[in-house]
Amino acid sequence: MSGFADSFQLKWHGQVVVVTPAADVESMRWDLIDQAAQIVMEPIAQQSVPMVIFDLSEVNYFGSVFLALLLRCHKLAKSRGGELVLSGASKMATELLRITALDTLWAMYDTKAEALAALDG
């Protein structure tokens, strides 16, 4: 996965950070997980009460490496009294989250706008 820092777009919407992974996270290698975690978790760590949306609309499918990253971000956000939610998950991604029972860990929204409304409200 070359140009790996480009694989995540981070945008602020008020107090909420939206993390949008590119489709190539499907092929993220395990040895890059720490680099990915540093890039994605930095803004989460800087917030006193982090509110995070992972917008999965660009991703069709992902594996255990990306799930590990989601879990790390979730743990950090929760430890600081924050919340991590998902939006725009494909049918395949939703099924993976259901099979792993992770759909019970995170609120899931069809769109980023719905997720933003939920976290801002």
N, C-alpha and C. Protein backbone atom coordinates (compact mmCIF):
# COMPACT_ATOMS: atom_id res chain seq x y z
N MET A 1 0.85 -1.17 0.00
CA MET A 1 0.00 0.00 0.00
C MET A 1 0.89 1.23 0.00
N SER A 2 1.23 1.71 -1.13
CA SER A 2 2.10 2.87 -1.21
C SER A 2 1.26 4.14 -1.06
N GLY A 3 1.92 5.24 -0.67
CA GLY A 3 1.19 6.47 -0.45
C GLY A 3 0.14 6.30 0.62
N PHE A 4 0.50 5.52 1.61
CA PHE A 4 -0.45 5.06 2.60
C PHE A 4 -1.09 6.20 3.40
N ALA A 5 -0.35 7.30 3.62
CA ALA A 5 -0.93 8.43 4.34
C ALA A 5 -2.12 9.01 3.57
N ASP A 6 -2.11 8.83 2.25
CA ASP A 6 -3.22 9.32 1.43
C ASP A 6 -4.44 8.42 1.52
N SER A 7 -4.32 7.32 2.21
CA SER A 7 -5.41 6.37 2.30
C SER A 7 -6.47 6.78 3.32
N PHE A 8 -6.21 7.85 4.06
CA PHE A 8 -7.17 8.35 5.04
C PHE A 8 -7.32 9.85 4.88
N GLN A 9 -8.57 10.28 4.77
CA GLN A 9 -8.86 11.71 4.73
C GLN A 9 -9.52 12.05 6.07
N LEU A 10 -9.00 13.08 6.73
CA LEU A 10 -9.58 13.51 7.99
C LEU A 10 -10.11 14.93 7.83
N LYS A 11 -11.38 15.13 8.18
CA LYS A 11 -12.01 16.45 8.10
C LYS A 11 -12.76 16.73 9.38
N TRP A 12 -12.66 17.96 9.82
CA TRP A 12 -13.39 18.40 11.01
C TRP A 12 -14.73 18.99 10.61
N HIS A 13 -15.76 18.62 11.35
CA HIS A 13 -17.10 19.21 11.23
C HIS A 13 -17.45 19.64 12.64
N GLY A 14 -17.11 20.89 12.98
CA GLY A 14 -17.28 21.34 14.36
C GLY A 14 -16.35 20.55 15.27
N GLN A 15 -16.91 19.88 16.26
CA GLN A 15 -16.12 19.08 17.20
C GLN A 15 -16.00 17.62 16.78
N VAL A 16 -16.52 17.27 15.62
CA VAL A 16 -16.53 15.89 15.15
C VAL A 16 -15.47 15.73 14.06
N VAL A 17 -14.64 14.70 14.20
CA VAL A 17 -13.68 14.39 13.14
C VAL A 17 -14.25 13.24 12.31
N VAL A 18 -14.24 13.44 10.98
CA VAL A 18 -14.71 12.42 10.06
C VAL A 18 -13.49 11.81 9.38
N VAL A 19 -13.33 10.52 9.56
CA VAL A 19 -12.23 9.78 8.95
C VAL A 19 -12.80 9.01 7.77
N THR A 20 -12.29 9.31 6.57
CA THR A 20 -12.76 8.63 5.38
C THR A 20 -11.61 7.82 4.79
N PRO A 21 -11.64 6.51 4.99
CA PRO A 21 -10.60 5.69 4.38
C PRO A 21 -10.86 5.48 2.89
N ALA A 22 -9.78 5.41 2.13
CA ALA A 22 -9.87 5.12 0.70
C ALA A 22 -10.12 3.63 0.51
N ALA A 23 -10.53 3.28 -0.68
CA ALA A 23 -10.85 1.88 -0.97
C ALA A 23 -9.67 0.95 -0.74
N ASP A 24 -8.44 1.46 -0.82
CA ASP A 24 -7.29 0.58 -0.69
C ASP A 24 -7.02 0.11 0.74
N VAL A 25 -7.84 0.52 1.70
CA VAL A 25 -7.66 -0.05 3.05
C VAL A 25 -8.00 -1.54 3.03
N GLU A 26 -8.69 -1.97 2.00
CA GLU A 26 -8.98 -3.40 1.87
C GLU A 26 -7.70 -4.22 1.82
N SER A 27 -6.63 -3.61 1.32
CA SER A 27 -5.37 -4.33 1.18
C SER A 27 -4.30 -3.86 2.16
N MET A 28 -4.73 -3.16 3.22
CA MET A 28 -3.77 -2.67 4.21
C MET A 28 -3.02 -3.84 4.84
N ARG A 29 -1.70 -3.73 4.85
CA ARG A 29 -0.87 -4.79 5.41
C ARG A 29 -0.73 -4.61 6.92
N TRP A 30 -0.60 -5.73 7.61
CA TRP A 30 -0.52 -5.72 9.06
C TRP A 30 0.65 -4.87 9.56
N ASP A 31 1.78 -4.88 8.84
CA ASP A 31 2.96 -4.13 9.29
C ASP A 31 2.77 -2.62 9.18
N LEU A 32 1.69 -2.17 8.56
CA LEU A 32 1.42 -0.73 8.45
C LEU A 32 0.38 -0.23 9.45
N ILE A 33 -0.14 -1.12 10.26
CA ILE A 33 -1.22 -0.74 11.16
C ILE A 33 -0.79 0.34 12.15
N ASP A 34 0.44 0.27 12.65
CA ASP A 34 0.88 1.29 13.60
C ASP A 34 0.99 2.66 12.94
N GLN A 35 1.46 2.71 11.70
CA GLN A 35 1.52 3.99 10.99
C GLN A 35 0.11 4.54 10.75
N ALA A 36 -0.79 3.67 10.38
CA ALA A 36 -2.17 4.09 10.17
C ALA A 36 -2.77 4.60 11.47
N ALA A 37 -2.51 3.90 12.53
CA ALA A 37 -3.05 4.29 13.84
C ALA A 37 -2.54 5.66 14.25
N GLN A 38 -1.27 5.94 14.00
CA GLN A 38 -0.72 7.26 14.36
C GLN A 38 -1.42 8.38 13.61
N ILE A 39 -1.62 8.18 12.32
CA ILE A 39 -2.26 9.20 11.49
C ILE A 39 -3.71 9.43 11.91
N VAL A 40 -4.44 8.36 12.11
CA VAL A 40 -5.87 8.46 12.39
C VAL A 40 -6.13 8.83 13.84
N MET A 41 -5.32 8.33 14.76
CA MET A 41 -5.59 8.54 16.18
C MET A 41 -5.09 9.87 16.71
N GLU A 42 -4.20 10.54 16.00
CA GLU A 42 -3.68 11.82 16.50
C GLU A 42 -4.78 12.84 16.80
N PRO A 43 -5.70 13.11 15.86
CA PRO A 43 -6.75 14.08 16.19
C PRO A 43 -7.70 13.58 17.28
N ILE A 44 -7.87 12.28 17.39
CA ILE A 44 -8.72 11.73 18.45
C ILE A 44 -8.08 11.98 19.80
N ALA A 45 -6.78 11.77 19.88
CA ALA A 45 -6.05 11.95 21.14
C ALA A 45 -6.00 13.41 21.57
N GLN A 46 -6.12 14.33 20.64
CA GLN A 46 -6.05 15.75 20.96
C GLN A 46 -7.36 16.31 21.50
N GLN A 47 -8.45 15.59 21.35
CA GLN A 47 -9.75 16.05 21.82
C GLN A 47 -10.00 15.59 23.26
N SER A 48 -10.59 16.45 24.06
CA SER A 48 -10.90 16.04 25.43
C SER A 48 -12.03 15.00 25.43
N VAL A 49 -13.02 15.16 24.56
CA VAL A 49 -14.10 14.18 24.40
C VAL A 49 -14.25 13.94 22.90
N PRO A 50 -13.50 12.98 22.37
CA PRO A 50 -13.48 12.78 20.92
C PRO A 50 -14.78 12.20 20.36
N MET A 51 -15.25 12.83 19.31
CA MET A 51 -16.40 12.34 18.56
C MET A 51 -15.90 12.02 17.16
N VAL A 52 -16.05 10.76 16.76
CA VAL A 52 -15.42 10.27 15.53
C VAL A 52 -16.43 9.54 14.66
N ILE A 53 -16.40 9.88 13.38
CA ILE A 53 -17.19 9.14 12.39
C ILE A 53 -16.20 8.51 11.42
N PHE A 54 -16.31 7.21 11.24
CA PHE A 54 -15.60 6.54 10.16
C PHE A 54 -16.59 6.43 9.01
N ASP A 55 -16.35 7.22 7.96
CA ASP A 55 -17.20 7.22 6.78
C ASP A 55 -16.67 6.14 5.83
N LEU A 56 -17.38 5.04 5.75
CA LEU A 56 -16.94 3.88 4.98
C LEU A 56 -17.48 3.86 3.55
N SER A 57 -17.97 4.99 3.08
CA SER A 57 -18.63 5.03 1.78
C SER A 57 -17.70 4.73 0.61
N GLU A 58 -16.40 4.88 0.78
CA GLU A 58 -15.44 4.58 -0.29
C GLU A 58 -14.96 3.13 -0.25
N VAL A 59 -15.30 2.42 0.81
CA VAL A 59 -14.76 1.08 1.05
C VAL A 59 -15.83 0.03 0.81
N ASN A 60 -15.53 -0.94 -0.01
CA ASN A 60 -16.48 -2.01 -0.25
C ASN A 60 -16.34 -3.11 0.80
N TYR A 61 -15.10 -3.43 1.12
CA TYR A 61 -14.82 -4.53 2.04
C TYR A 61 -13.53 -4.21 2.78
N PHE A 62 -13.35 -4.78 3.95
CA PHE A 62 -12.10 -4.63 4.69
C PHE A 62 -11.87 -5.88 5.51
N GLY A 63 -10.65 -6.04 5.96
CA GLY A 63 -10.29 -7.24 6.70
C GLY A 63 -9.90 -6.95 8.13
N SER A 64 -9.22 -7.91 8.71
CA SER A 64 -8.88 -7.86 10.13
C SER A 64 -7.96 -6.71 10.48
N VAL A 65 -7.10 -6.30 9.56
CA VAL A 65 -6.17 -5.20 9.85
C VAL A 65 -6.96 -3.91 10.06
N PHE A 66 -7.90 -3.64 9.18
CA PHE A 66 -8.71 -2.43 9.33
C PHE A 66 -9.62 -2.52 10.54
N LEU A 67 -10.15 -3.71 10.82
CA LEU A 67 -10.96 -3.89 12.02
C LEU A 67 -10.14 -3.59 13.27
N ALA A 68 -8.88 -4.01 13.28
CA ALA A 68 -8.00 -3.72 14.42
C ALA A 68 -7.82 -2.22 14.59
N LEU A 69 -7.69 -1.50 13.49
CA LEU A 69 -7.57 -0.04 13.56
C LEU A 69 -8.85 0.58 14.12
N LEU A 70 -10.00 0.12 13.65
CA LEU A 70 -11.28 0.63 14.17
C LEU A 70 -11.38 0.39 15.68
N LEU A 71 -11.00 -0.79 16.10
CA LEU A 71 -11.07 -1.12 17.53
C LEU A 71 -10.14 -0.24 18.37
N ARG A 72 -8.95 0.03 17.86
CA ARG A 72 -8.02 0.91 18.58
C ARG A 72 -8.59 2.33 18.71
N CYS A 73 -9.14 2.82 17.63
CA CYS A 73 -9.73 4.16 17.66
C CYS A 73 -10.93 4.20 18.61
N HIS A 74 -11.75 3.17 18.57
CA HIS A 74 -12.90 3.07 19.46
C HIS A 74 -12.46 3.09 20.92
N LYS A 75 -11.46 2.30 21.24
CA LYS A 75 -10.97 2.22 22.61
C LYS A 75 -10.47 3.58 23.09
N LEU A 76 -9.73 4.28 22.25
CA LEU A 76 -9.22 5.61 22.63
C LEU A 76 -10.37 6.59 22.83
N ALA A 77 -11.32 6.62 21.89
CA ALA A 77 -12.45 7.55 22.00
C ALA A 77 -13.25 7.26 23.27
N LYS A 78 -13.57 6.00 23.52
CA LYS A 78 -14.36 5.64 24.70
C LYS A 78 -13.62 5.95 25.99
N SER A 79 -12.30 5.75 26.02
CA SER A 79 -11.53 6.00 27.24
C SER A 79 -11.53 7.47 27.62
N ARG A 80 -11.86 8.33 26.66
CA ARG A 80 -11.91 9.77 26.91
C ARG A 80 -13.35 10.29 26.95
N GLY A 81 -14.30 9.37 27.05
CA GLY A 81 -15.70 9.76 27.15
C GLY A 81 -16.34 10.10 25.82
N GLY A 82 -15.69 9.76 24.72
CA GLY A 82 -16.20 10.08 23.39
C GLY A 82 -16.96 8.93 22.76
N GLU A 83 -17.16 9.07 21.47
CA GLU A 83 -17.97 8.11 20.73
C GLU A 83 -17.37 7.92 19.34
N LEU A 84 -17.43 6.70 18.84
CA LEU A 84 -17.05 6.40 17.47
C LEU A 84 -18.24 5.72 16.82
N VAL A 85 -18.62 6.22 15.64
CA VAL A 85 -19.74 5.65 14.89
C VAL A 85 -19.29 5.41 13.46
N LEU A 86 -20.06 4.62 12.74
CA LEU A 86 -19.77 4.30 11.35
C LEU A 86 -20.87 4.82 10.45
N SER A 87 -20.48 5.21 9.24
CA SER A 87 -21.50 5.61 8.26
C SER A 87 -21.12 5.06 6.89
N GLY A 88 -22.13 4.88 6.07
CA GLY A 88 -21.92 4.52 4.68
C GLY A 88 -21.35 3.14 4.42
N ALA A 89 -21.51 2.21 5.34
CA ALA A 89 -20.95 0.86 5.14
C ALA A 89 -21.66 0.14 4.00
N SER A 90 -20.87 -0.52 3.17
CA SER A 90 -21.43 -1.31 2.07
C SER A 90 -22.15 -2.53 2.64
N LYS A 91 -22.87 -3.23 1.78
CA LYS A 91 -23.56 -4.46 2.23
C LYS A 91 -22.55 -5.49 2.72
N MET A 92 -21.42 -5.62 2.01
CA MET A 92 -20.39 -6.58 2.43
C MET A 92 -19.79 -6.19 3.78
N ALA A 93 -19.49 -4.91 3.96
CA ALA A 93 -18.92 -4.44 5.21
C ALA A 93 -19.92 -4.61 6.35
N THR A 94 -21.18 -4.31 6.10
CA THR A 94 -22.22 -4.46 7.12
C THR A 94 -22.35 -5.92 7.53
N GLU A 95 -22.29 -6.82 6.55
CA GLU A 95 -22.37 -8.25 6.85
C GLU A 95 -21.17 -8.71 7.68
N LEU A 96 -19.97 -8.23 7.35
CA LEU A 96 -18.78 -8.56 8.12
C LEU A 96 -18.93 -8.08 9.57
N LEU A 97 -19.41 -6.87 9.74
CA LEU A 97 -19.60 -6.32 11.09
C LEU A 97 -20.66 -7.12 11.85
N ARG A 98 -21.69 -7.58 11.14
CA ARG A 98 -22.73 -8.38 11.78
C ARG A 98 -22.18 -9.74 12.21
N ILE A 99 -21.44 -10.39 11.32
CA ILE A 99 -20.89 -11.71 11.62
C ILE A 99 -19.93 -11.66 12.81
N THR A 100 -19.16 -10.58 12.90
CA THR A 100 -18.20 -10.44 14.00
C THR A 100 -18.84 -9.83 15.25
N ALA A 101 -20.11 -9.51 15.17
CA ALA A 101 -20.88 -8.88 16.26
C ALA A 101 -20.38 -7.48 16.59
N LEU A 102 -19.58 -6.89 15.71
CA LEU A 102 -19.12 -5.52 15.94
C LEU A 102 -20.20 -4.50 15.62
N ASP A 103 -21.25 -4.93 14.94
CA ASP A 103 -22.37 -4.02 14.69
C ASP A 103 -23.10 -3.67 15.98
N THR A 104 -22.83 -4.43 17.05
CA THR A 104 -23.42 -4.10 18.35
C THR A 104 -22.53 -3.13 19.13
N LEU A 105 -21.30 -2.96 18.69
CA LEU A 105 -20.35 -2.07 19.37
C LEU A 105 -20.49 -0.63 18.90
N TRP A 106 -20.75 -0.46 17.60
CA TRP A 106 -20.80 0.87 17.01
C TRP A 106 -22.18 1.15 16.44
N ALA A 107 -22.65 2.38 16.64
CA ALA A 107 -23.85 2.83 15.93
C ALA A 107 -23.48 2.95 14.46
N MET A 108 -24.40 2.53 13.61
CA MET A 108 -24.15 2.56 12.17
C MET A 108 -25.24 3.40 11.50
N TYR A 109 -24.80 4.31 10.64
CA TYR A 109 -25.71 5.21 9.94
C TYR A 109 -25.53 5.04 8.44
N ASP A 110 -26.61 5.24 7.70
CA ASP A 110 -26.55 5.09 6.25
C ASP A 110 -25.68 6.17 5.61
N THR A 111 -25.75 7.39 6.15
CA THR A 111 -25.01 8.50 5.55
C THR A 111 -24.18 9.24 6.60
N LYS A 112 -23.19 9.96 6.10
CA LYS A 112 -22.36 10.79 6.97
C LYS A 112 -23.22 11.89 7.62
N ALA A 113 -24.16 12.43 6.86
CA ALA A 113 -25.04 13.48 7.40
C ALA A 113 -25.85 12.97 8.60
N GLU A 114 -26.35 11.75 8.51
CA GLU A 114 -27.10 11.16 9.64
C GLU A 114 -26.18 10.98 10.85
N ALA A 115 -24.97 10.53 10.62
CA ALA A 115 -24.02 10.33 11.71
C ALA A 115 -23.65 11.66 12.35
N LEU A 116 -23.42 12.68 11.53
CA LEU A 116 -23.11 14.01 12.08
C LEU A 116 -24.26 14.54 12.91
N ALA A 117 -25.48 14.37 12.43
CA ALA A 117 -26.65 14.84 13.18
C ALA A 117 -26.75 14.11 14.53
N ALA A 118 -26.45 12.83 14.53
CA ALA A 118 -26.53 12.05 15.77
C ALA A 118 -25.48 12.49 16.78
N LEU A 119 -24.26 12.76 16.32
CA LEU A 119 -23.18 13.15 17.25
C LEU A 119 -23.29 14.61 17.67
N ASP A 120 -23.82 15.45 16.81
CA ASP A 120 -23.98 16.88 17.16
C ASP A 120 -25.16 17.10 18.08
N GLY A 121 -26.13 16.18 18.00
CA GLY A 121 -27.37 16.35 18.78
C GLY A 121 -27.16 15.89 20.15
